[in-house]
Each structure stands twice: as C-alpha cells, then as structure tokens.
PDB file of N, CA and C in Angstrom:
ATOM      1  N   MET A   1       0.550  -1.202  -0.081  1.00  0.00           N
ATOM      2  CA  MET A   1       0.442  -0.100   0.202  1.00  0.00           C
ATOM      3  C   MET A   1       0.817   1.150  -0.037  1.00  0.00           C
ATOM      4  N   ASN A   2       0.017   2.270  -0.647  1.00  0.00           N
ATOM      5  CA  ASN A   2       0.987   3.569  -0.783  1.00  0.00           C
ATOM      6  C   ASN A   2       1.115   4.340   0.587  1.00  0.00           C
ATOM      7  N   ALA A   3       1.783   5.232   0.780  1.00  0.00           N
ATOM      8  CA  ALA A   3       1.845   5.993   1.817  1.00  0.00           C
ATOM      9  C   ALA A   3       0.819   7.033   2.461  1.00  0.00           C
ATOM     10  N   TYR A   4       0.312   7.263   0.931  1.00  0.00           N
ATOM     11  CA  TYR A   4      -0.852   8.346   0.975  1.00  0.00           C
ATOM     12  C   TYR A   4      -1.618   8.050  -0.002  1.00  0.00           C
ATOM     13  N   ASP A   5      -2.833   8.603  -0.256  1.00  0.00           N
ATOM     14  CA  ASP A   5      -3.703   8.611  -1.143  1.00  0.00           C
ATOM     15  C   ASP A   5      -4.182   9.904  -1.323  1.00  0.00           C
ATOM     16  N   ILE A   6      -4.702  10.680  -2.375  1.00  0.00           N
ATOM     17  CA  ILE A   6      -5.257  12.106  -2.282  1.00  0.00           C
ATOM     18  C   ILE A   6      -6.268  11.655  -3.697  1.00  0.00           C
ATOM     19  N   SER A   7      -7.487  12.194  -3.473  1.00  0.00           N
ATOM     20  CA  SER A   7      -8.444  12.137  -3.886  1.00  0.00           C
ATOM     21  C   SER A   7      -9.395  13.654  -4.196  1.00  0.00           C
ATOM     22  N   ILE A   8     -10.072  13.871  -5.335  1.00  0.00           N
ATOM     23  CA  ILE A   8     -11.032  15.233  -4.731  1.00  0.00           C
ATOM     24  C   ILE A   8     -12.549  14.574  -5.779  1.00  0.00           C
ATOM     25  N   GLU A   9     -13.491  14.897  -4.959  1.00  0.00           N
ATOM     26  CA  GLU A   9     -14.611  15.178  -5.696  1.00  0.00           C
ATOM     27  C   GLU A   9     -14.995  16.209  -5.800  1.00  0.00           C
ATOM     28  N   LEU A  10     -15.158  16.912  -7.178  1.00  0.00           N
ATOM     29  CA  LEU A  10     -15.541  17.911  -7.174  1.00  0.00           C
ATOM     30  C   LEU A  10     -16.674  18.685  -6.959  1.00  0.00           C
ATOM     31  N   ASP A  11     -17.354  17.712  -7.365  1.00  0.00           N
ATOM     32  CA  ASP A  11     -19.351  17.877  -6.854  1.00  0.00           C
ATOM     33  C   ASP A  11     -19.470  18.176  -5.455  1.00  0.00           C
ATOM     34  N   ARG A  12     -18.674  17.571  -4.415  1.00  0.00           N
ATOM     35  CA  ARG A  12     -19.258  17.699  -3.469  1.00  0.00           C
ATOM     36  C   ARG A  12     -18.046  19.058  -2.552  1.00  0.00           C
ATOM     37  N   ARG A  13     -17.077  19.161  -3.688  1.00  0.00           N
ATOM     38  CA  ARG A  13     -15.482  20.044  -2.806  1.00  0.00           C
ATOM     39  C   ARG A  13     -15.460  19.275  -1.539  1.00  0.00           C
ATOM     40  N   LEU A  14     -14.736  17.967  -2.442  1.00  0.00           N
ATOM     41  CA  LEU A  14     -14.500  17.836  -0.954  1.00  0.00           C
ATOM     42  C   LEU A  14     -12.708  16.549  -1.298  1.00  0.00           C
ATOM     43  N   LEU A  15     -12.191  16.819  -0.200  1.00  0.00           N
ATOM     44  CA  LEU A  15     -11.073  16.514  -0.104  1.00  0.00           C
ATOM     45  C   LEU A  15     -10.944  15.067   0.462  1.00  0.00           C
ATOM     46  N   ARG A  16     -10.316  14.044  -0.325  1.00  0.00           N
ATOM     47  CA  ARG A  16     -10.031  12.777   0.678  1.00  0.00           C
ATOM     48  C   ARG A  16      -8.735  11.758   0.348  1.00  0.00           C
ATOM     49  N   MET A  17      -8.503  12.033   1.791  1.00  0.00           N
ATOM     50  CA  MET A  17      -7.101  11.350   1.742  1.00  0.00           C
ATOM     51  C   MET A  17      -7.185  10.092   2.937  1.00  0.00           C
ATOM     52  N   THR A  18      -6.090   9.559   2.401  1.00  0.00           N
ATOM     53  CA  THR A  18      -5.691   8.201   3.197  1.00  0.00           C
ATOM     54  C   THR A  18      -4.097   8.243   3.574  1.00  0.00           C
ATOM     55  N   MET A  19      -3.808   7.913   4.605  1.00  0.00           N
ATOM     56  CA  MET A  19      -2.311   8.104   5.006  1.00  0.00           C
ATOM     57  C   MET A  19      -1.996   6.977   6.151  1.00  0.00           C
ATOM     58  N   CYS A  20      -1.111   6.158   5.909  1.00  0.00           N
ATOM     59  CA  CYS A  20      -0.090   5.017   6.760  1.00  0.00           C
ATOM     60  C   CYS A  20       0.882   4.730   6.547  1.00  0.00           C
ATOM     61  N   GLY A  21       1.254   3.999   7.678  1.00  0.00           N
ATOM     62  CA  GLY A  21       2.800   3.799   7.707  1.00  0.00           C
ATOM     63  C   GLY A  21       3.180   5.123   8.560  1.00  0.00           C
ATOM     64  N   TYR A  22       4.875   4.773   8.724  1.00  0.00           N
ATOM     65  CA  TYR A  22       5.414   6.073   9.257  1.00  0.00           C
ATOM     66  C   TYR A  22       6.425   6.532   7.952  1.00  0.00           C
ATOM     67  N   TRP A  23       6.705   7.722   8.030  1.00  0.00           N
ATOM     68  CA  TRP A  23       6.928   8.402   6.742  1.00  0.00           C
ATOM     69  C   TRP A  23       8.380   9.464   7.381  1.00  0.00           C
ATOM     70  N   ASP A  24       9.427   9.233   5.950  1.00  0.00           N
ATOM     71  CA  ASP A  24      10.218  10.268   6.214  1.00  0.00           C
ATOM     72  C   ASP A  24       9.922  11.400   5.759  1.00  0.00           C
ATOM     73  N   THR A  25      11.070  12.458   5.387  1.00  0.00           N
ATOM     74  CA  THR A  25      11.007  13.503   4.667  1.00  0.00           C
ATOM     75  C   THR A  25      10.734  13.710   3.464  1.00  0.00           C
ATOM     76  N   ALA A  26      11.371  12.590   2.377  1.00  0.00           N
ATOM     77  CA  ALA A  26      10.705  12.362   1.327  1.00  0.00           C
ATOM     78  C   ALA A  26       9.318  12.218   0.892  1.00  0.00           C
ATOM     79  N   THR A  27       9.250  11.508   2.083  1.00  0.00           N
ATOM     80  CA  THR A  27       7.357  10.861   1.817  1.00  0.00           C
ATOM     81  C   THR A  27       6.621  12.755   1.870  1.00  0.00           C
ATOM     82  N   PHE A  28       7.258  12.891   3.291  1.00  0.00           N
ATOM     83  CA  PHE A  28       5.898  14.065   3.670  1.00  0.00           C
ATOM     84  C   PHE A  28       6.525  14.978   2.143  1.00  0.00           C
ATOM     85  N   ASP A  29       7.373  14.987   1.460  1.00  0.00           N
ATOM     86  CA  ASP A  29       7.775  16.325   0.733  1.00  0.00           C
ATOM     87  C   ASP A  29       6.726  15.760  -0.683  1.00  0.00           C
ATOM     88  N   LEU A  30       6.604  14.937  -0.627  1.00  0.00           N
ATOM     89  CA  LEU A  30       5.761  14.182  -2.102  1.00  0.00           C
ATOM     90  C   LEU A  30       4.093  14.382  -1.809  1.00  0.00           C
ATOM     91  N   PHE A  31       4.045  13.882  -0.616  1.00  0.00           N
ATOM     92  CA  PHE A  31       2.506  13.990   0.031  1.00  0.00           C
ATOM     93  C   PHE A  31       1.985  15.947  -0.179  1.00  0.00           C
ATOM     94  N   ALA A  32       3.572  16.628   0.305  1.00  0.00           N
ATOM     95  CA  ALA A  32       2.962  18.034   0.598  1.00  0.00           C
ATOM     96  C   ALA A  32       2.240  18.303  -0.837  1.00  0.00           C
ATOM     97  N   HIS A  33       3.527  18.416  -1.519  1.00  0.00           N
ATOM     98  CA  HIS A  33       2.984  18.510  -3.208  1.00  0.00           C
ATOM     99  C   HIS A  33       1.686  18.104  -3.729  1.00  0.00           C
ATOM    100  N   ASP A  34       1.330  16.785  -3.406  1.00  0.00           N
ATOM    101  CA  ASP A  34      -0.005  16.445  -3.740  1.00  0.00           C
ATOM    102  C   ASP A  34      -1.019  17.060  -2.808  1.00  0.00           C
ATOM    103  N   PHE A  35      -0.879  17.579  -1.912  1.00  0.00           N
ATOM    104  CA  PHE A  35      -1.996  17.879  -1.206  1.00  0.00           C
ATOM    105  C   PHE A  35      -1.958  19.256  -1.620  1.00  0.00           C
ATOM    106  N   ARG A  36      -0.917  20.017  -2.137  1.00  0.00           N
ATOM    107  CA  ARG A  36      -1.073  21.538  -2.586  1.00  0.00           C
ATOM    108  C   ARG A  36      -1.577  21.233  -3.969  1.00  0.00           C
ATOM    109  N   ARG A  37      -1.613  20.654  -4.947  1.00  0.00           N
ATOM    110  CA  ARG A  37      -2.148  20.323  -5.352  1.00  0.00           C
ATOM    111  C   ARG A  37      -3.200  20.248  -6.127  1.00  0.00           C
ATOM    112  N   ALA A  38      -4.243  19.281  -5.296  1.00  0.00           N
ATOM    113  CA  ALA A  38      -5.188  18.815  -4.969  1.00  0.00           C
ATOM    114  C   ALA A  38      -5.890  20.186  -4.256  1.00  0.00           C
ATOM    115  N   LEU A  39      -5.656  20.630  -3.516  1.00  0.00           N
ATOM    116  CA  LEU A  39      -6.288  22.076  -2.691  1.00  0.00           C
ATOM    117  C   LEU A  39      -6.682  23.568  -4.078  1.00  0.00           C
ATOM    118  N   GLY A  40      -5.460  23.288  -4.659  1.00  0.00           N
ATOM    119  CA  GLY A  40      -5.724  23.848  -5.864  1.00  0.00           C
ATOM    120  C   GLY A  40      -6.516  24.089  -6.643  1.00  0.00           C
ATOM    121  N   GLN A  41      -6.512  22.354  -7.251  1.00  0.00           N
ATOM    122  CA  GLN A  41      -8.239  22.529  -7.761  1.00  0.00           C
ATOM    123  C   GLN A  41      -9.354  22.883  -7.548  1.00  0.00           C
ATOM    124  N   LEU A  42      -9.496  22.293  -6.112  1.00  0.00           N
ATOM    125  CA  LEU A  42     -10.325  22.362  -5.377  1.00  0.00           C
ATOM    126  C   LEU A  42     -11.033  23.836  -5.849  1.00  0.00           C
ATOM    127  N   ALA A  43      -9.567  25.048  -5.429  1.00  0.00           N
ATOM    128  CA  ALA A  43     -10.109  26.224  -5.578  1.00  0.00           C
ATOM    129  C   ALA A  43     -10.469  27.040  -6.557  1.00  0.00           C
ATOM    130  N   LEU A  44      -9.856  25.846  -7.859  1.00  0.00           N
ATOM    131  CA  LEU A  44     -11.068  26.232  -9.190  1.00  0.00           C
ATOM    132  C   LEU A  44     -12.435  25.572  -9.396  1.00  0.00           C
ATOM    133  N   HIS A  45     -12.668  25.295  -8.385  1.00  0.00           N
ATOM    134  CA  HIS A  45     -14.760  24.932  -8.518  1.00  0.00           C
ATOM    135  C   HIS A  45     -15.081  25.652  -7.171  1.00  0.00           C
ATOM    136  N   GLY A  46     -14.615  26.415  -6.496  1.00  0.00           N
ATOM    137  CA  GLY A  46     -15.169  27.050  -5.651  1.00  0.00           C
ATOM    138  C   GLY A  46     -14.413  26.748  -4.093  1.00  0.00           C
ATOM    139  N   GLY A  47     -13.627  26.076  -4.068  1.00  0.00           N
ATOM    140  CA  GLY A  47     -12.438  25.752  -2.662  1.00  0.00           C
ATOM    141  C   GLY A  47     -12.993  24.538  -2.481  1.00  0.00           C
ATOM    142  N   ALA A  48     -11.873  23.714  -1.349  1.00  0.00           N
ATOM    143  CA  ALA A  48     -12.967  22.788  -0.733  1.00  0.00           C
ATOM    144  C   ALA A  48     -13.648  23.337   0.410  1.00  0.00           C
ATOM    145  N   ARG A  49     -14.818  21.827   0.720  1.00  0.00           N
ATOM    146  CA  ARG A  49     -15.785  22.417   1.686  1.00  0.00           C
ATOM    147  C   ARG A  49     -15.892  21.470   2.670  1.00  0.00           C
ATOM    148  N   LEU A  50     -15.367  19.724   2.106  1.00  0.00           N
ATOM    149  CA  LEU A  50     -14.880  19.214   3.429  1.00  0.00           C
ATOM    150  C   LEU A  50     -13.886  18.463   2.572  1.00  0.00           C
ATOM    151  N   ALA A  51     -13.478  17.898   4.039  1.00  0.00           N
ATOM    152  CA  ALA A  51     -12.190  16.250   3.764  1.00  0.00           C
ATOM    153  C   ALA A  51     -12.311  15.581   4.947  1.00  0.00           C
ATOM    154  N   PHE A  52     -12.191  14.250   4.024  1.00  0.00           N
ATOM    155  CA  PHE A  52     -12.191  12.965   5.118  1.00  0.00           C
ATOM    156  C   PHE A  52     -11.025  12.189   5.266  1.00  0.00           C
ATOM    157  N   VAL A  53     -10.134  12.171   5.880  1.00  0.00           N
ATOM    158  CA  VAL A  53      -8.850  12.035   6.439  1.00  0.00           C
ATOM    159  C   VAL A  53      -9.076  10.731   7.374  1.00  0.00           C
ATOM    160  N   ASP A  54      -8.507   9.516   6.250  1.00  0.00           N
ATOM    161  CA  ASP A  54      -8.587   7.572   6.981  1.00  0.00           C
ATOM    162  C   ASP A  54      -7.112   7.644   7.845  1.00  0.00           C
ATOM    163  N   ALA A  55      -7.011   8.386   8.740  1.00  0.00           N
ATOM    164  CA  ALA A  55      -5.531   8.090   9.238  1.00  0.00           C
ATOM    165  C   ALA A  55      -5.325   6.841  10.079  1.00  0.00           C
ATOM    166  N   HIS A  56      -6.026   5.802  10.362  1.00  0.00           N
ATOM    167  CA  HIS A  56      -6.390   5.191  11.294  1.00  0.00           C
ATOM    168  C   HIS A  56      -5.340   4.019  10.949  1.00  0.00           C
ATOM    169  N   GLU A  57      -4.064   3.978   9.974  1.00  0.00           N
ATOM    170  CA  GLU A  57      -3.036   3.392   9.828  1.00  0.00           C
ATOM    171  C   GLU A  57      -1.771   4.306   9.876  1.00  0.00           C
ATOM    172  N   PHE A  58      -2.133   5.308  10.160  1.00  0.00           N
ATOM    173  CA  PHE A  58      -0.830   6.396  10.254  1.00  0.00           C
ATOM    174  C   PHE A  58      -0.052   6.118  11.323  1.00  0.00           C
ATOM    175  N   ALA A  59       0.731   5.865  11.492  1.00  0.00           N
ATOM    176  CA  ALA A  59       1.563   5.309  12.852  1.00  0.00           C
ATOM    177  C   ALA A  59       2.027   6.736  13.227  1.00  0.00           C
ATOM    178  N   VAL A  60       2.370   6.924  14.488  1.00  0.00           N
ATOM    179  CA  VAL A  60       2.804   8.149  15.436  1.00  0.00           C
ATOM    180  C   VAL A  60       3.914   8.693  14.395  1.00  0.00           C
ATOM    181  N   GLN A  61       4.077   9.628  14.633  1.00  0.00           N
ATOM    182  CA  GLN A  61       5.500  10.038  13.847  1.00  0.00           C
ATOM    183  C   GLN A  61       6.235  10.974  14.589  1.00  0.00           C
ATOM    184  N   SER A  62       7.347  11.005  13.856  1.00  0.00           N
ATOM    185  CA  SER A  62       8.609  11.710  14.642  1.00  0.00           C
ATOM    186  C   SER A  62       8.325  13.219  14.927  1.00  0.00           C
ATOM    187  N   VAL A  63       8.713  14.064  15.560  1.00  0.00           N
ATOM    188  CA  VAL A  63       8.772  15.363  15.670  1.00  0.00           C
ATOM    189  C   VAL A  63       8.513  16.226  14.294  1.00  0.00           C
ATOM    190  N   GLU A  64       9.651  16.132  13.846  1.00  0.00           N
ATOM    191  CA  GLU A  64      10.495  16.757  12.517  1.00  0.00           C
ATOM    192  C   GLU A  64       8.972  16.573  11.576  1.00  0.00           C
ATOM    193  N   ILE A  65       8.349  15.570  11.197  1.00  0.00           N
ATOM    194  CA  ILE A  65       7.184  15.438  10.300  1.00  0.00           C
ATOM    195  C   ILE A  65       6.119  16.283  11.253  1.00  0.00           C
ATOM    196  N   THR A  66       5.628  15.769  12.379  1.00  0.00           N
ATOM    197  CA  THR A  66       4.427  16.328  13.012  1.00  0.00           C
ATOM    198  C   THR A  66       4.854  17.625  12.595  1.00  0.00           C
ATOM    199  N   ASP A  67       5.784  18.410  13.352  1.00  0.00           N
ATOM    200  CA  ASP A  67       6.065  20.294  12.556  1.00  0.00           C
ATOM    201  C   ASP A  67       5.566  20.321  11.227  1.00  0.00           C
ATOM    202  N   LYS A  68       6.637  19.398  10.438  1.00  0.00           N
ATOM    203  CA  LYS A  68       6.254  19.649   8.857  1.00  0.00           C
ATOM    204  C   LYS A  68       4.706  19.481   8.669  1.00  0.00           C
ATOM    205  N   PHE A  69       4.120  19.214   9.191  1.00  0.00           N
ATOM    206  CA  PHE A  69       2.602  18.932   8.852  1.00  0.00           C
ATOM    207  C   PHE A  69       1.885  20.162   9.795  1.00  0.00           C
ATOM    208  N   GLY A  70       2.376  20.692  10.686  1.00  0.00           N
ATOM    209  CA  GLY A  70       1.710  21.822  11.477  1.00  0.00           C
ATOM    210  C   GLY A  70       2.341  23.018  10.431  1.00  0.00           C
ATOM    211  N   ALA A  71       3.066  23.265   9.468  1.00  0.00           N
ATOM    212  CA  ALA A  71       3.737  24.410   8.383  1.00  0.00           C
ATOM    213  C   ALA A  71       2.896  24.164   7.483  1.00  0.00           C
ATOM    214  N   LEU A  72       2.820  22.992   7.092  1.00  0.00           N
ATOM    215  CA  LEU A  72       1.859  22.802   5.772  1.00  0.00           C
ATOM    216  C   LEU A  72       0.494  23.101   6.062  1.00  0.00           C
ATOM    217  N   ILE A  73      -0.367  22.921   7.380  1.00  0.00           N
ATOM    218  CA  ILE A  73      -1.477  23.131   7.650  1.00  0.00           C
ATOM    219  C   ILE A  73      -1.457  24.828   7.534  1.00  0.00           C
ATOM    220  N   ALA A  74      -0.651  25.208   8.269  1.00  0.00           N
ATOM    221  CA  ALA A  74      -0.619  27.189   8.915  1.00  0.00           C
ATOM    222  C   ALA A  74      -0.378  27.467   7.342  1.00  0.00           C
ATOM    223  N   ALA A  75       0.416  27.043   6.282  1.00  0.00           N
ATOM    224  CA  ALA A  75       0.353  27.508   4.878  1.00  0.00           C
ATOM    225  C   ALA A  75      -0.537  27.321   3.946  1.00  0.00           C
ATOM    226  N   SER A  76      -1.586  26.393   4.311  1.00  0.00           N
ATOM    227  CA  SER A  76      -2.529  26.411   3.593  1.00  0.00           C
ATOM    228  C   SER A  76      -4.008  26.909   4.163  1.00  0.00           C
ATOM    229  N   TYR A  77      -3.897  27.250   5.336  1.00  0.00           N
ATOM    230  CA  TYR A  77      -5.159  27.805   6.485  1.00  0.00           C
ATOM    231  C   TYR A  77      -6.098  28.654   5.462  1.00  0.00           C
ATOM    232  N   GLY A  78      -5.836  29.364   4.333  1.00  0.00           N
ATOM    233  CA  GLY A  78      -7.591  29.367   3.840  1.00  0.00           C
ATOM    234  C   GLY A  78      -8.110  29.383   2.586  1.00  0.00           C
ATOM    235  N   THR A  79      -7.145  27.869   2.099  1.00  0.00           N
ATOM    236  CA  THR A  79      -7.645  26.998   1.191  1.00  0.00           C
ATOM    237  C   THR A  79      -7.747  25.608   1.514  1.00  0.00           C
ATOM    238  N   MET A  80      -8.299  24.896   2.639  1.00  0.00           N
ATOM    239  CA  MET A  80      -8.507  24.062   3.457  1.00  0.00           C
ATOM    240  C   MET A  80      -9.965  23.629   3.358  1.00  0.00           C
ATOM    241  N   ALA A  81     -10.417  22.864   3.562  1.00  0.00           N
ATOM    242  CA  ALA A  81     -11.323  22.519   4.053  1.00  0.00           C
ATOM    243  C   ALA A  81     -12.296  23.083   5.518  1.00  0.00           C
ATOM    244  N   PRO A  82     -13.213  23.575   5.875  1.00  0.00           N
ATOM    245  CA  PRO A  82     -13.465  24.195   6.782  1.00  0.00           C
ATOM    246  C   PRO A  82     -13.889  22.956   7.891  1.00  0.00           C
ATOM    247  N   ARG A  83     -14.683  21.702   7.339  1.00  0.00           N
ATOM    248  CA  ARG A  83     -15.103  20.779   7.938  1.00  0.00           C
ATOM    249  C   ARG A  83     -14.247  19.465   7.945  1.00  0.00           C
ATOM    250  N   THR A  84     -13.875  19.112   8.620  1.00  0.00           N
ATOM    251  CA  THR A  84     -12.819  18.131   8.280  1.00  0.00           C
ATOM    252  C   THR A  84     -13.180  16.660   9.053  1.00  0.00           C
ATOM    253  N   ALA A  85     -13.114  15.377   8.699  1.00  0.00           N
ATOM    254  CA  ALA A  85     -13.594  14.358   9.812  1.00  0.00           C
ATOM    255  C   ALA A  85     -12.122  13.872   9.398  1.00  0.00           C
ATOM    256  N   THR A  86     -11.540  13.050  10.513  1.00  0.00           N
ATOM    257  CA  THR A  86     -10.462  12.181  10.882  1.00  0.00           C
ATOM    258  C   THR A  86     -10.532  11.001  11.164  1.00  0.00           C
ATOM    259  N   LEU A  87     -10.512  10.012  10.586  1.00  0.00           N
ATOM    260  CA  LEU A  87     -10.363   8.576  11.300  1.00  0.00           C
ATOM    261  C   LEU A  87      -8.768   8.359  11.978  1.00  0.00           C
ATOM    262  N   VAL A  88      -9.156   8.056  13.155  1.00  0.00           N
ATOM    263  CA  VAL A  88      -7.960   7.978  13.643  1.00  0.00           C
ATOM    264  C   VAL A  88      -7.986   6.365  14.391  1.00  0.00           C
ATOM    265  N   ALA A  89      -6.442   6.022  14.673  1.00  0.00           N
ATOM    266  CA  ALA A  89      -6.536   4.489  15.442  1.00  0.00           C
ATOM    267  C   ALA A  89      -7.135   4.631  17.255  1.00  0.00           C
ATOM    268  N   GLY A  90      -6.486   5.689  17.543  1.00  0.00           N
ATOM    269  CA  GLY A  90      -6.946   5.943  19.100  1.00  0.00           C
ATOM    270  C   GLY A  90      -6.358   7.560  19.435  1.00  0.00           C
ATOM    271  N   THR A  91      -6.649   7.545  20.696  1.00  0.00           N
ATOM    272  CA  THR A  91      -5.913   8.967  21.334  1.00  0.00           C
ATOM    273  C   THR A  91      -4.462   9.257  21.526  1.00  0.00           C
ATOM    274  N   LEU A  92      -3.940   8.863  20.933  1.00  0.00           N
ATOM    275  CA  LEU A  92      -2.087   8.983  20.932  1.00  0.00           C
ATOM    276  C   LEU A  92      -2.066   9.696  19.684  1.00  0.00           C
ATOM    277  N   ASN A  93      -2.696   9.072  18.607  1.00  0.00           N
ATOM    278  CA  ASN A  93      -2.738   9.559  17.008  1.00  0.00           C
ATOM    279  C   ASN A  93      -4.202  10.812  16.778  1.00  0.00           C
ATOM    280  N   LYS A  94      -4.795  11.279  18.003  1.00  0.00           N
ATOM    281  CA  LYS A  94      -5.580  12.297  18.082  1.00  0.00           C
ATOM    282  C   LYS A  94      -4.713  13.156  18.543  1.00  0.00           C
ATOM    283  N   LEU A  95      -4.002  13.030  19.690  1.00  0.00           N
ATOM    284  CA  LEU A  95      -3.540  14.650  19.823  1.00  0.00           C
ATOM    285  C   LEU A  95      -2.008  14.579  19.221  1.00  0.00           C
ATOM    286  N   GLN A  96      -1.535  13.727  18.455  1.00  0.00           N
ATOM    287  CA  GLN A  96      -0.692  13.980  17.212  1.00  0.00           C
ATOM    288  C   GLN A  96      -1.273  15.187  16.464  1.00  0.00           C
ATOM    289  N   SER A  97      -2.466  14.634  16.099  1.00  0.00           N
ATOM    290  CA  SER A  97      -3.168  15.409  15.248  1.00  0.00           C
ATOM    291  C   SER A  97      -3.637  16.980  15.472  1.00  0.00           C
ATOM    292  N   ASP A  98      -3.413  16.913  16.909  1.00  0.00           N
ATOM    293  CA  ASP A  98      -4.329  18.054  17.350  1.00  0.00           C
ATOM    294  C   ASP A  98      -3.084  19.248  17.417  1.00  0.00           C
ATOM    295  N   ARG A  99      -1.467  18.381  17.717  1.00  0.00           N
ATOM    296  CA  ARG A  99      -0.634  18.890  17.358  1.00  0.00           C
ATOM    297  C   ARG A  99       0.042  19.837  16.449  1.00  0.00           C
ATOM    298  N   ALA A 100      -0.316  18.691  15.256  1.00  0.00           N
ATOM    299  CA  ALA A 100      -0.043  19.640  13.913  1.00  0.00           C
ATOM    300  C   ALA A 100      -0.824  21.112  13.796  1.00  0.00           C
ATOM    301  N   GLY A 101      -2.386  21.094  13.855  1.00  0.00           N
ATOM    302  CA  GLY A 101      -2.927  21.916  14.273  1.00  0.00           C
ATOM    303  C   GLY A 101      -4.029  21.719  12.598  1.00  0.00           C
ATOM    304  N   MET A 102      -5.399  21.948  13.156  1.00  0.00           N
ATOM    305  CA  MET A 102      -6.458  21.315  13.001  1.00  0.00           C
ATOM    306  C   MET A 102      -7.026  23.083  12.647  1.00  0.00           C
ATOM    307  N   GLN A 103      -7.961  23.253  11.753  1.00  0.00           N
ATOM    308  CA  GLN A 103      -8.676  24.579  11.252  1.00  0.00           C
ATOM    309  C   GLN A 103     -10.301  24.117  11.458  1.00  0.00           C
ATOM    310  N   GLY A 104     -10.915  25.135  11.472  1.00  0.00           N
ATOM    311  CA  GLY A 104     -12.334  24.721  11.321  1.00  0.00           C
ATOM    312  C   GLY A 104     -12.674  23.939  12.644  1.00  0.00           C
ATOM    313  N   SER A 105     -14.262  23.462  11.690  1.00  0.00           N
ATOM    314  CA  SER A 105     -14.660  22.002  12.397  1.00  0.00           C
ATOM    315  C   SER A 105     -14.257  20.953  11.993  1.00  0.00           C
ATOM    316  N   ALA A 106     -13.366  20.437  13.262  1.00  0.00           N
ATOM    317  CA  ALA A 106     -12.526  19.332  12.812  1.00  0.00           C
ATOM    318  C   ALA A 106     -13.045  17.959  14.398  1.00  0.00           C
ATOM    319  N   ARG A 107     -13.393  16.796  13.606  1.00  0.00           N
ATOM    320  CA  ARG A 107     -13.947  16.168  14.864  1.00  0.00           C
ATOM    321  C   ARG A 107     -13.457  14.547  13.951  1.00  0.00           C
ATOM    322  N   TYR A 108     -12.472  13.988  15.184  1.00  0.00           N
ATOM    323  CA  TYR A 108     -11.827  13.049  15.345  1.00  0.00           C
ATOM    324  C   TYR A 108     -12.391  11.706  15.693  1.00  0.00           C
ATOM    325  N   PHE A 109     -12.651  10.244  14.659  1.00  0.00           N
ATOM    326  CA  PHE A 109     -13.509   9.322  15.166  1.00  0.00           C
ATOM    327  C   PHE A 109     -12.803   8.038  14.704  1.00  0.00           C
ATOM    328  N   THR A 110     -13.341   6.591  15.556  1.00  0.00           N
ATOM    329  CA  THR A 110     -12.566   5.947  15.311  1.00  0.00           C
ATOM    330  C   THR A 110     -13.197   4.687  14.589  1.00  0.00           C
ATOM    331  N   ASP A 111     -14.676   5.363  14.112  1.00  0.00           N
ATOM    332  CA  ASP A 111     -15.192   4.560  13.440  1.00  0.00           C
ATOM    333  C   ASP A 111     -15.479   5.246  12.003  1.00  0.00           C
ATOM    334  N   ALA A 112     -15.593   4.594  11.327  1.00  0.00           N
ATOM    335  CA  ALA A 112     -15.814   5.281   9.542  1.00  0.00           C
ATOM    336  C   ALA A 112     -16.914   5.393   9.064  1.00  0.00           C
ATOM    337  N   ALA A 113     -17.461   5.082   9.741  1.00  0.00           N
ATOM    338  CA  ALA A 113     -19.096   5.412   9.362  1.00  0.00           C
ATOM    339  C   ALA A 113     -19.977   6.286  10.198  1.00  0.00           C
ATOM    340  N   ALA A 114     -19.136   6.308  11.291  1.00  0.00           N
ATOM    341  CA  ALA A 114     -19.794   7.372  12.415  1.00  0.00           C
ATOM    342  C   ALA A 114     -18.890   8.892  11.853  1.00  0.00           C
ATOM    343  N   ALA A 115     -17.571   8.906  11.288  1.00  0.00           N
ATOM    344  CA  ALA A 115     -16.748   9.871  10.896  1.00  0.00           C
ATOM    345  C   ALA A 115     -17.954  10.419   9.713  1.00  0.00           C
ATOM    346  N   GLU A 116     -17.912   9.471   8.559  1.00  0.00           N
ATOM    347  CA  GLU A 116     -18.702  10.156   7.171  1.00  0.00           C
ATOM    348  C   GLU A 116     -20.260  10.426   7.618  1.00  0.00           C
ATOM    349  N   ALA A 117     -20.819  10.245   8.449  1.00  0.00           N
ATOM    350  CA  ALA A 117     -22.248  10.436   9.349  1.00  0.00           C
ATOM    351  C   ALA A 117     -22.092  11.792   9.451  1.00  0.00           C
ATOM    352  N   TRP A 118     -21.297  11.925  10.047  1.00  0.00           N
ATOM    353  CA  TRP A 118     -20.960  13.661  10.814  1.00  0.00           C
ATOM    354  C   TRP A 118     -20.553  14.279   9.569  1.00  0.00           C
ATOM    355  N   LEU A 119     -19.461  14.289   8.426  1.00  0.00           N
ATOM    356  CA  LEU A 119     -19.184  15.076   7.985  1.00  0.00           C
ATOM    357  C   LEU A 119     -20.197  15.682   6.846  1.00  0.00           C
ATOM    358  N   PHE A 120     -20.757  14.418   6.158  1.00  0.00           N
ATOM    359  CA  PHE A 120     -21.964  15.002   5.396  1.00  0.00           C
ATOM    360  C   PHE A 120     -23.279  15.003   6.045  1.00  0.00           C
ATOM    361  N   ASP A 121     -23.895  15.370   7.293  1.00  0.00           N
ATOM    362  CA  ASP A 121     -24.876  15.647   7.674  1.00  0.00           C
ATOM    363  C   ASP A 121     -25.154  16.950   7.544  1.00  0.00           C
ATOM    364  N   GLU A 122     -24.318  18.113   7.569  1.00  0.00           N
ATOM    365  CA  GLU A 122     -24.466  19.704   7.280  1.00  0.00           C
ATOM    366  C   GLU A 122     -24.022  19.514   5.980  1.00  0.00           C
ATOM    367  N   ALA A 123     -23.746  18.826   5.103  1.00  0.00           N
ATOM    368  CA  ALA A 123     -23.229  19.174   3.822  1.00  0.00           C
ATOM    369  C   ALA A 123     -24.144  19.664   3.012  1.00  0.00           C
TER     370      ALA A 123
END
C-alpha cells in the first residue's frame, strides 16, 4: 500500500486522503506537493468544503514530520476545508493531529461510518 492517497470529488468539493505507515522527509515532501495540488484543483471549483482523512493506519510520526504537517496546515489555512472528519486508530494519534493544528470544524473518530455520517450531515 502507498504511504498516502489523495483524491477529490469536485461535485461535493470534497478532499479525501488516506495516510498510513511511518513517513520520512521525502515521503512528506511528495505528500505536501500532491496536497497543495489537490487544494489548487478544488480552488478552481469554489474551494474545498469538506475533508475526510483516513489515518487509522498512520503511525505516530516523528516530531520533525509532525512539525512539517503543522507548517503545511498553517501555510494552507485559507484553502483547507472548514469541515474535516479524521479517522484515527486511537488517542495518541488524535493528540498528534491536534499538535499539527487543525482548523475549522474538525472531529476525530475511530469508526469510519460515524465519521462520514458526521461529515455529510450538514453537507
């Protein structure tokens, strides 16, 4: 399985991401490029409105990678989806996601069905 997958659904202005494993700097840099590109594509169609992040197989990352996520999120602040559902394996993953910094209405789930129900409830 790839370290990540990013897709968009233009009709719902939805960004979907799956992340797994333990990343090095090269993996993060490829992800950051693809992430920015997806946000750019959504921006051409009214911008990202919703995001679903499946990180239930994403390992707790190094401080360096967590800090890089924080910087990427901060730099993307105006283009990220205001409503994000993130699927995590447990509390430690949630704490690390909090450290990276989320924006808007973001919630964490351990159940995919509950995450999607919440995300699309007000869509």
